């Protein structure tokens, strides 16, 4: 049925794009906000600290079609380290 390599690649890209959109819609991996901090650890709910990005983080940013503004964080309390994303800043119109 799908013997053409272009069709296979196109279908895979469409499915991959849909998966990225669903992840964004469901807020998977998004920064958590609590009353005491704007960026909380997903494990212990304490404040996270920004750490330097690794090369793989930059690659993931481009592979995800720049849909996610991925940044690396770490927790001083429980030792969690990973990527979080937030909606890009959009100024409100006056």
PDB file of N, CA and C in Angstrom:
ATOM      1  N   UNK A   1       0.823  -1.201   0.000  1.00  0.00           N
ATOM      2  CA  UNK A   1       0.000   0.000   0.000  1.00  0.00           C
ATOM      3  C   UNK A   1       0.868   1.266   0.000  1.00  0.00           C
ATOM      4  N   UNK A   2       1.802   1.362   0.965  1.00  0.00           N
ATOM      5  CA  UNK A   2       2.664   2.538   1.053  1.00  0.00           C
ATOM      6  C   UNK A   2       4.082   2.146   0.656  1.00  0.00           C
ATOM      7  N   UNK A   3       4.302   1.920  -0.615  1.00  0.00           N
ATOM      8  CA  UNK A   3       5.624   1.532  -1.087  1.00  0.00           C
ATOM      9  C   UNK A   3       6.510   2.724  -1.406  1.00  0.00           C
ATOM     10  N   UNK A   4       5.934   3.877  -1.530  1.00  0.00           N
ATOM     11  CA  UNK A   4       6.687   5.082  -1.851  1.00  0.00           C
ATOM     12  C   UNK A   4       7.369   5.612  -0.581  1.00  0.00           C
ATOM     13  N   UNK A   5       8.704   5.769  -0.567  1.00  0.00           N
ATOM     14  CA  UNK A   5       9.394   6.256   0.637  1.00  0.00           C
ATOM     15  C   UNK A   5       8.962   7.674   1.028  1.00  0.00           C
ATOM     16  N   UNK A   6       8.611   8.508   0.066  1.00  0.00           N
ATOM     17  CA  UNK A   6       8.165   9.857   0.388  1.00  0.00           C
ATOM     18  C   UNK A   6       6.886   9.826   1.218  1.00  0.00           C
ATOM     19  N   UNK A   7       5.963   8.959   0.853  1.00  0.00           N
ATOM     20  CA  UNK A   7       4.699   8.841   1.596  1.00  0.00           C
ATOM     21  C   UNK A   7       4.977   8.368   3.021  1.00  0.00           C
ATOM     22  N   UNK A   8       5.870   7.394   3.180  1.00  0.00           N
ATOM     23  CA  UNK A   8       6.210   6.888   4.511  1.00  0.00           C
ATOM     24  C   UNK A   8       6.805   7.983   5.384  1.00  0.00           C
ATOM     25  N   UNK A   9       7.744   8.733   4.842  1.00  0.00           N
ATOM     26  CA  UNK A   9       8.378   9.818   5.595  1.00  0.00           C
ATOM     27  C   UNK A   9       7.366  10.903   5.925  1.00  0.00           C
ATOM     28  N   UNK A  10       6.510  11.236   4.971  1.00  0.00           N
ATOM     29  CA  UNK A  10       5.492  12.257   5.199  1.00  0.00           C
ATOM     30  C   UNK A  10       4.529  11.831   6.311  1.00  0.00           C
ATOM     31  N   UNK A  11       4.090  10.595   6.292  1.00  0.00           N
ATOM     32  CA  UNK A  11       3.170  10.100   7.320  1.00  0.00           C
ATOM     33  C   UNK A  11       3.841  10.100   8.686  1.00  0.00           C
ATOM     34  N   UNK A  12       5.111   9.684   8.742  1.00  0.00           N
ATOM     35  CA  UNK A  12       5.842   9.706  10.010  1.00  0.00           C
ATOM     36  C   UNK A  12       5.989  11.128  10.550  1.00  0.00           C
ATOM     37  N   UNK A  13       6.275  12.087   9.681  1.00  0.00           N
ATOM     38  CA  UNK A  13       6.394  13.476  10.128  1.00  0.00           C
ATOM     39  C   UNK A  13       5.061  14.028  10.632  1.00  0.00           C
ATOM     40  N   UNK A  14       3.979  13.665   9.974  1.00  0.00           N
ATOM     41  CA  UNK A  14       2.654  14.118  10.419  1.00  0.00           C
ATOM     42  C   UNK A  14       2.329  13.512  11.779  1.00  0.00           C
ATOM     43  N   UNK A  15       2.582  12.220  11.952  1.00  0.00           N
ATOM     44  CA  UNK A  15       2.319  11.570  13.243  1.00  0.00           C
ATOM     45  C   UNK A  15       3.190  12.173  14.337  1.00  0.00           C
ATOM     46  N   UNK A  16       4.473  12.406  14.047  1.00  0.00           N
ATOM     47  CA  UNK A  16       5.391  13.014  15.010  1.00  0.00           C
ATOM     48  C   UNK A  16       4.919  14.416  15.401  1.00  0.00           C
ATOM     49  N   UNK A  17       4.479  15.198  14.435  1.00  0.00           N
ATOM     50  CA  UNK A  17       3.978  16.546  14.717  1.00  0.00           C
ATOM     51  C   UNK A  17       2.727  16.489  15.581  1.00  0.00           C
ATOM     52  N   UNK A  18       1.851  15.556  15.305  1.00  0.00           N
ATOM     53  CA  UNK A  18       0.640  15.412  16.122  1.00  0.00           C
ATOM     54  C   UNK A  18       0.975  15.016  17.552  1.00  0.00           C
ATOM     55  N   UNK A  19       1.951  14.145  17.716  1.00  0.00           N
ATOM     56  CA  UNK A  19       2.374  13.757  19.068  1.00  0.00           C
ATOM     57  C   UNK A  19       2.928  14.963  19.820  1.00  0.00           C
ATOM     58  N   UNK A  20       3.736  15.793  19.161  1.00  0.00           N
ATOM     59  CA  UNK A  20       4.271  16.999  19.801  1.00  0.00           C
ATOM     60  C   UNK A  20       3.157  17.959  20.193  1.00  0.00           C
ATOM     61  N   UNK A  21       2.172  18.120  19.344  1.00  0.00           N
ATOM     62  CA  UNK A  21       1.049  19.016  19.646  1.00  0.00           C
ATOM     63  C   UNK A  21       0.241  18.477  20.814  1.00  0.00           C
ATOM     64  N   UNK A  22       0.036  17.173  20.882  1.00  0.00           N
ATOM     65  CA  UNK A  22      -0.700  16.580  22.002  1.00  0.00           C
ATOM     66  C   UNK A  22       0.068  16.766  23.302  1.00  0.00           C
ATOM     67  N   UNK A  23       1.388  16.574  23.275  1.00  0.00           N
ATOM     68  CA  UNK A  23       2.214  16.789  24.465  1.00  0.00           C
ATOM     69  C   UNK A  23       2.088  18.234  24.939  1.00  0.00           C
ATOM     70  N   UNK A  24       2.119  19.168  24.010  1.00  0.00           N
ATOM     71  CA  UNK A  24       1.990  20.585  24.371  1.00  0.00           C
ATOM     72  C   UNK A  24       0.599  20.870  24.930  1.00  0.00           C
ATOM     73  N   UNK A  25      -0.441  20.306  24.312  1.00  0.00           N
ATOM     74  CA  UNK A  25      -1.821  20.530  24.753  1.00  0.00           C
ATOM     75  C   UNK A  25      -2.054  19.951  26.144  1.00  0.00           C
ATOM     76  N   UNK A  26      -1.460  18.790  26.450  1.00  0.00           N
ATOM     77  CA  UNK A  26      -1.633  18.147  27.755  1.00  0.00           C
ATOM     78  C   UNK A  26      -0.669  18.681  28.815  1.00  0.00           C
ATOM     79  N   UNK A  27       0.191  19.631  28.437  1.00  0.00           N
ATOM     80  CA  UNK A  27       1.154  20.265  29.350  1.00  0.00           C
ATOM     81  C   UNK A  27       2.119  19.261  29.984  1.00  0.00           C
ATOM     82  N   UNK A  28       2.517  18.257  29.244  1.00  0.00           N
ATOM     83  CA  UNK A  28       3.466  17.272  29.752  1.00  0.00           C
ATOM     84  C   UNK A  28       4.858  17.898  29.754  1.00  0.00           C
ATOM     85  N   UNK A  29       5.510  17.914  30.912  1.00  0.00           N
ATOM     86  CA  UNK A  29       6.847  18.480  31.034  1.00  0.00           C
ATOM     87  C   UNK A  29       6.871  19.983  31.216  1.00  0.00           C
ATOM     88  N   UNK A  30       5.708  20.598  31.423  1.00  0.00           N
ATOM     89  CA  UNK A  30       5.648  22.049  31.593  1.00  0.00           C
ATOM     90  C   UNK A  30       6.063  22.437  33.006  1.00  0.00           C
ATOM     91  N   UNK A  31       6.569  23.652  33.150  1.00  0.00           N
ATOM     92  CA  UNK A  31       6.949  24.156  34.460  1.00  0.00           C
ATOM     93  C   UNK A  31       5.728  24.170  35.370  1.00  0.00           C
ATOM     94  N   UNK A  32       5.921  23.727  36.619  1.00  0.00           N
ATOM     95  CA  UNK A  32       4.837  23.753  37.597  1.00  0.00           C
ATOM     96  C   UNK A  32       4.958  25.017  38.428  1.00  0.00           C
ATOM     97  N   UNK A  33       3.825  25.627  38.709  1.00  0.00           N
ATOM     98  CA  UNK A  33       3.797  26.862  39.480  1.00  0.00           C
ATOM     99  C   UNK A  33       2.992  26.633  40.757  1.00  0.00           C
ATOM    100  N   UNK A  34       3.550  27.082  41.872  1.00  0.00           N
ATOM    101  CA  UNK A  34       2.864  27.014  43.151  1.00  0.00           C
ATOM    102  C   UNK A  34       2.835  28.401  43.766  1.00  0.00           C
ATOM    103  N   UNK A  35       2.196  28.514  44.913  1.00  0.00           N
ATOM    104  CA  UNK A  35       2.066  29.823  45.570  1.00  0.00           C
ATOM    105  C   UNK A  35       3.425  30.412  45.935  1.00  0.00           C
ATOM    106  N   UNK A  36       4.348  29.556  46.397  1.00  0.00           N
ATOM    107  CA  UNK A  36       5.619  30.074  46.891  1.00  0.00           C
ATOM    108  C   UNK A  36       6.704  30.212  45.826  1.00  0.00           C
ATOM    109  N   UNK A  37       6.507  29.603  44.634  1.00  0.00           N
ATOM    110  CA  UNK A  37       7.522  29.750  43.584  1.00  0.00           C
ATOM    111  C   UNK A  37       6.879  29.569  42.207  1.00  0.00           C
ATOM    112  N   UNK A  38       7.521  30.155  41.217  1.00  0.00           N
ATOM    113  CA  UNK A  38       6.985  30.091  39.854  1.00  0.00           C
ATOM    114  C   UNK A  38       7.512  28.892  39.078  1.00  0.00           C
ATOM    115  N   UNK A  39       8.488  28.186  39.632  1.00  0.00           N
ATOM    116  CA  UNK A  39       9.054  27.017  38.963  1.00  0.00           C
ATOM    117  C   UNK A  39       9.380  25.987  40.029  1.00  0.00           C
ATOM    118  N   UNK A  40       8.504  24.992  40.192  1.00  0.00           N
ATOM    119  CA  UNK A  40       8.635  24.027  41.270  1.00  0.00           C
ATOM    120  C   UNK A  40       9.084  22.666  40.758  1.00  0.00           C
ATOM    121  N   UNK A  41       9.769  21.933  41.620  1.00  0.00           N
ATOM    122  CA  UNK A  41      10.236  20.582  41.321  1.00  0.00           C
ATOM    123  C   UNK A  41       9.028  19.651  41.180  1.00  0.00           C
ATOM    124  N   UNK A  42       9.018  18.788  40.169  1.00  0.00           N
ATOM    125  CA  UNK A  42       7.891  17.873  40.004  1.00  0.00           C
ATOM    126  C   UNK A  42       7.844  16.781  41.076  1.00  0.00           C
ATOM    127  N   UNK A  43       8.960  16.528  41.769  1.00  0.00           N
ATOM    128  CA  UNK A  43       8.996  15.489  42.800  1.00  0.00           C
ATOM    129  C   UNK A  43       8.679  16.014  44.199  1.00  0.00           C
ATOM    130  N   UNK A  44       9.349  17.120  44.591  1.00  0.00           N
ATOM    131  CA  UNK A  44       9.212  17.579  45.975  1.00  0.00           C
ATOM    132  C   UNK A  44       8.572  18.963  46.102  1.00  0.00           C
ATOM    133  N   UNK A  45       8.240  19.612  45.013  1.00  0.00           N
ATOM    134  CA  UNK A  45       7.559  20.920  44.979  1.00  0.00           C
ATOM    135  C   UNK A  45       8.391  22.067  45.548  1.00  0.00           C
ATOM    136  N   UNK A  46       9.699  21.900  45.664  1.00  0.00           N
ATOM    137  CA  UNK A  46      10.575  23.004  46.057  1.00  0.00           C
ATOM    138  C   UNK A  46      11.042  23.738  44.809  1.00  0.00           C
ATOM    139  N   UNK A  47      11.647  24.899  45.007  1.00  0.00           N
ATOM    140  CA  UNK A  47      12.080  25.725  43.875  1.00  0.00           C
ATOM    141  C   UNK A  47      13.207  25.047  43.094  1.00  0.00           C
ATOM    142  N   UNK A  48      13.169  25.209  41.771  1.00  0.00           N
ATOM    143  CA  UNK A  48      14.204  24.672  40.889  1.00  0.00           C
ATOM    144  C   UNK A  48      15.208  25.765  40.532  1.00  0.00           C
ATOM    145  N   UNK A  49      16.421  25.348  40.220  1.00  0.00           N
ATOM    146  CA  UNK A  49      17.471  26.267  39.793  1.00  0.00           C
ATOM    147  C   UNK A  49      17.843  25.960  38.351  1.00  0.00           C
ATOM    148  N   UNK A  50      18.090  27.007  37.562  1.00  0.00           N
ATOM    149  CA  UNK A  50      18.529  26.818  36.179  1.00  0.00           C
ATOM    150  C   UNK A  50      19.951  26.290  36.180  1.00  0.00           C
ATOM    151  N   UNK A  51      20.221  25.350  35.274  1.00  0.00           N
ATOM    152  CA  UNK A  51      21.572  24.854  35.075  1.00  0.00           C
ATOM    153  C   UNK A  51      21.917  25.000  33.598  1.00  0.00           C
ATOM    154  N   UNK A  52      23.187  24.863  33.295  1.00  0.00           N
ATOM    155  CA  UNK A  52      23.640  25.040  31.921  1.00  0.00           C
ATOM    156  C   UNK A  52      23.079  23.937  31.032  1.00  0.00           C
ATOM    157  N   UNK A  53      22.653  24.318  29.838  1.00  0.00           N
ATOM    158  CA  UNK A  53      22.128  23.355  28.878  1.00  0.00           C
ATOM    159  C   UNK A  53      23.237  22.452  28.367  1.00  0.00           C
ATOM    160  N   UNK A  54      22.852  21.219  28.090  1.00  0.00           N
ATOM    161  CA  UNK A  54      23.770  20.275  27.470  1.00  0.00           C
ATOM    162  C   UNK A  54      23.548  20.331  25.961  1.00  0.00           C
ATOM    163  N   UNK A  55      24.466  19.749  25.220  1.00  0.00           N
ATOM    164  CA  UNK A  55      24.350  19.751  23.760  1.00  0.00           C
ATOM    165  C   UNK A  55      23.084  19.019  23.314  1.00  0.00           C
ATOM    166  N   UNK A  56      22.717  17.944  24.015  1.00  0.00           N
ATOM    167  CA  UNK A  56      21.517  17.189  23.653  1.00  0.00           C
ATOM    168  C   UNK A  56      20.255  18.038  23.836  1.00  0.00           C
ATOM    169  N   UNK A  57      20.277  18.960  24.782  1.00  0.00           N
ATOM    170  CA  UNK A  57      19.122  19.845  24.992  1.00  0.00           C
ATOM    171  C   UNK A  57      18.907  20.746  23.786  1.00  0.00           C
ATOM    172  N   UNK A  58      19.995  21.224  23.222  1.00  0.00           N
ATOM    173  CA  UNK A  58      19.900  22.075  22.033  1.00  0.00           C
ATOM    174  C   UNK A  58      19.387  21.275  20.836  1.00  0.00           C
ATOM    175  N   UNK A  59      19.841  20.029  20.738  1.00  0.00           N
ATOM    176  CA  UNK A  59      19.369  19.171  19.651  1.00  0.00           C
ATOM    177  C   UNK A  59      17.881  18.879  19.803  1.00  0.00           C
ATOM    178  N   UNK A  60      17.442  18.573  21.030  1.00  0.00           N
ATOM    179  CA  UNK A  60      16.019  18.326  21.281  1.00  0.00           C
ATOM    180  C   UNK A  60      15.167  19.546  20.952  1.00  0.00           C
ATOM    181  N   UNK A  61      15.691  20.729  21.222  1.00  0.00           N
ATOM    182  CA  UNK A  61      14.971  21.965  20.911  1.00  0.00           C
ATOM    183  C   UNK A  61      14.669  22.048  19.419  1.00  0.00           C
ATOM    184  N   UNK A  62      15.641  21.702  18.594  1.00  0.00           N
ATOM    185  CA  UNK A  62      15.460  21.773  17.149  1.00  0.00           C
ATOM    186  C   UNK A  62      14.639  20.594  16.615  1.00  0.00           C
ATOM    187  N   UNK A  63      14.829  19.407  17.200  1.00  0.00           N
ATOM    188  CA  UNK A  63      14.076  18.228  16.762  1.00  0.00           C
ATOM    189  C   UNK A  63      12.580  18.402  17.040  1.00  0.00           C
ATOM    190  N   UNK A  64      12.256  19.123  18.105  1.00  0.00           N
ATOM    191  CA  UNK A  64      10.842  19.330  18.443  1.00  0.00           C
ATOM    192  C   UNK A  64      10.244  20.503  17.669  1.00  0.00           C
ATOM    193  N   UNK A  65      10.887  20.894  16.583  1.00  0.00           N
ATOM    194  CA  UNK A  65      10.426  21.995  15.724  1.00  0.00           C
ATOM    195  C   UNK A  65      10.271  23.300  16.499  1.00  0.00           C
ATOM    196  N   UNK A  66      11.032  23.453  17.564  1.00  0.00           N
ATOM    197  CA  UNK A  66      11.042  24.654  18.410  1.00  0.00           C
ATOM    198  C   UNK A  66       9.666  24.963  19.008  1.00  0.00           C
ATOM    199  N   UNK A  67       8.856  23.935  19.181  1.00  0.00           N
ATOM    200  CA  UNK A  67       7.541  24.111  19.810  1.00  0.00           C
ATOM    201  C   UNK A  67       7.717  24.354  21.301  1.00  0.00           C
ATOM    202  N   UNK A  68       8.702  23.684  21.903  1.00  0.00           N
ATOM    203  CA  UNK A  68       8.943  23.795  23.341  1.00  0.00           C
ATOM    204  C   UNK A  68      10.179  24.643  23.586  1.00  0.00           C
ATOM    205  N   UNK A  69      10.083  25.558  24.538  1.00  0.00           N
ATOM    206  CA  UNK A  69      11.239  26.352  24.949  1.00  0.00           C
ATOM    207  C   UNK A  69      11.895  25.607  26.116  1.00  0.00           C
ATOM    208  N   UNK A  70      12.633  24.548  25.792  1.00  0.00           N
ATOM    209  CA  UNK A  70      13.196  23.661  26.804  1.00  0.00           C
ATOM    210  C   UNK A  70      14.365  24.318  27.527  1.00  0.00           C
ATOM    211  N   UNK A  71      14.337  24.206  28.861  1.00  0.00           N
ATOM    212  CA  UNK A  71      15.431  24.695  29.698  1.00  0.00           C
ATOM    213  C   UNK A  71      15.730  23.634  30.745  1.00  0.00           C
ATOM    214  N   UNK A  72      17.002  23.509  31.114  1.00  0.00           N
ATOM    215  CA  UNK A  72      17.421  22.503  32.094  1.00  0.00           C
ATOM    216  C   UNK A  72      17.378  23.100  33.500  1.00  0.00           C
ATOM    217  N   UNK A  73      16.824  22.319  34.422  1.00  0.00           N
ATOM    218  CA  UNK A  73      16.709  22.721  35.814  1.00  0.00           C
ATOM    219  C   UNK A  73      17.188  21.602  36.716  1.00  0.00           C
ATOM    220  N   UNK A  74      17.536  21.966  37.961  1.00  0.00           N
ATOM    221  CA  UNK A  74      17.884  20.967  38.970  1.00  0.00           C
ATOM    222  C   UNK A  74      17.314  21.417  40.314  1.00  0.00           C
ATOM    223  N   UNK A  75      17.074  20.429  41.184  1.00  0.00           N
ATOM    224  CA  UNK A  75      16.525  20.699  42.512  1.00  0.00           C
ATOM    225  C   UNK A  75      17.606  20.452  43.553  1.00  0.00           C
ATOM    226  N   UNK A  76      17.808  21.413  44.430  1.00  0.00           N
ATOM    227  CA  UNK A  76      18.803  21.257  45.488  1.00  0.00           C
ATOM    228  C   UNK A  76      18.316  20.338  46.597  1.00  0.00           C
ATOM    229  N   UNK A  77      17.021  20.183  46.757  1.00  0.00           N
ATOM    230  CA  UNK A  77      16.469  19.392  47.851  1.00  0.00           C
ATOM    231  C   UNK A  77      16.510  17.887  47.563  1.00  0.00           C
ATOM    232  N   UNK A  78      15.972  17.463  46.435  1.00  0.00           N
ATOM    233  CA  UNK A  78      15.860  16.024  46.154  1.00  0.00           C
ATOM    234  C   UNK A  78      16.817  15.538  45.073  1.00  0.00           C
ATOM    235  N   UNK A  79      17.507  16.445  44.381  1.00  0.00           N
ATOM    236  CA  UNK A  79      18.471  16.057  43.362  1.00  0.00           C
ATOM    237  C   UNK A  79      17.882  15.843  41.979  1.00  0.00           C
ATOM    238  N   UNK A  80      16.606  16.156  41.794  1.00  0.00           N
ATOM    239  CA  UNK A  80      15.985  15.998  40.471  1.00  0.00           C
ATOM    240  C   UNK A  80      16.669  16.917  39.478  1.00  0.00           C
ATOM    241  N   UNK A  81      16.869  16.426  38.269  1.00  0.00           N
ATOM    242  CA  UNK A  81      17.427  17.239  37.186  1.00  0.00           C
ATOM    243  C   UNK A  81      16.724  16.856  35.895  1.00  0.00           C
ATOM    244  N   UNK A  82      16.352  17.859  35.121  1.00  0.00           N
ATOM    245  CA  UNK A  82      15.683  17.563  33.862  1.00  0.00           C
ATOM    246  C   UNK A  82      15.281  18.816  33.122  1.00  0.00           C
ATOM    247  N   UNK A  83      14.492  18.594  32.076  1.00  0.00           N
ATOM    248  CA  UNK A  83      14.050  19.681  31.212  1.00  0.00           C
ATOM    249  C   UNK A  83      12.620  20.077  31.554  1.00  0.00           C
ATOM    250  N   UNK A  84      12.356  21.349  31.497  1.00  0.00           N
ATOM    251  CA  UNK A  84      11.020  21.909  31.676  1.00  0.00           C
ATOM    252  C   UNK A  84      10.814  22.920  30.560  1.00  0.00           C
ATOM    253  N   UNK A  85       9.577  23.182  30.211  1.00  0.00           N
ATOM    254  CA  UNK A  85       9.273  24.184  29.195  1.00  0.00           C
ATOM    255  C   UNK A  85       8.158  25.067  29.708  1.00  0.00           C
ATOM    256  N   UNK A  86       8.096  26.262  29.149  1.00  0.00           N
ATOM    257  CA  UNK A  86       7.030  27.199  29.481  1.00  0.00           C
ATOM    258  C   UNK A  86       6.567  27.864  28.199  1.00  0.00           C
ATOM    259  N   UNK A  87       5.383  28.431  28.264  1.00  0.00           N
ATOM    260  CA  UNK A  87       4.909  29.179  27.106  1.00  0.00           C
ATOM    261  C   UNK A  87       5.816  30.379  26.908  1.00  0.00           C
ATOM    262  N   UNK A  88       6.108  30.663  25.676  1.00  0.00           N
ATOM    263  CA  UNK A  88       6.944  31.831  25.398  1.00  0.00           C
ATOM    264  C   UNK A  88       6.199  33.088  25.788  1.00  0.00           C
ATOM    265  N   UNK A  89       6.965  34.057  26.215  1.00  0.00           N
ATOM    266  CA  UNK A  89       6.367  35.329  26.647  1.00  0.00           C
ATOM    267  C   UNK A  89       5.729  36.030  25.460  1.00  0.00           C
ATOM    268  N   UNK A  90       4.489  36.391  25.652  1.00  0.00           N
ATOM    269  CA  UNK A  90       3.773  37.154  24.629  1.00  0.00           C
ATOM    270  C   UNK A  90       3.220  38.409  25.291  1.00  0.00           C
ATOM    271  N   UNK A  91       3.731  39.572  24.936  1.00  0.00           N
ATOM    272  CA  UNK A  91       3.255  40.794  25.591  1.00  0.00           C
ATOM    273  C   UNK A  91       1.772  41.034  25.279  1.00  0.00           C
ATOM    274  N   UNK A  92       1.091  41.553  26.286  1.00  0.00           N
ATOM    275  CA  UNK A  92      -0.325  41.884  26.136  1.00  0.00           C
ATOM    276  C   UNK A  92      -0.469  43.197  25.368  1.00  0.00           C
ATOM    277  N   UNK A  93      -1.385  43.221  24.440  1.00  0.00           N
ATOM    278  CA  UNK A  93      -1.616  44.447  23.659  1.00  0.00           C
ATOM    279  C   UNK A  93      -2.352  45.503  24.495  1.00  0.00           C
ATOM    280  N   UNK A  94      -2.011  46.743  24.288  1.00  0.00           N
ATOM    281  CA  UNK A  94      -2.682  47.838  25.015  1.00  0.00           C
ATOM    282  C   UNK A  94      -3.848  48.360  24.252  1.00  0.00           C
TER     283      UNK A  94
END
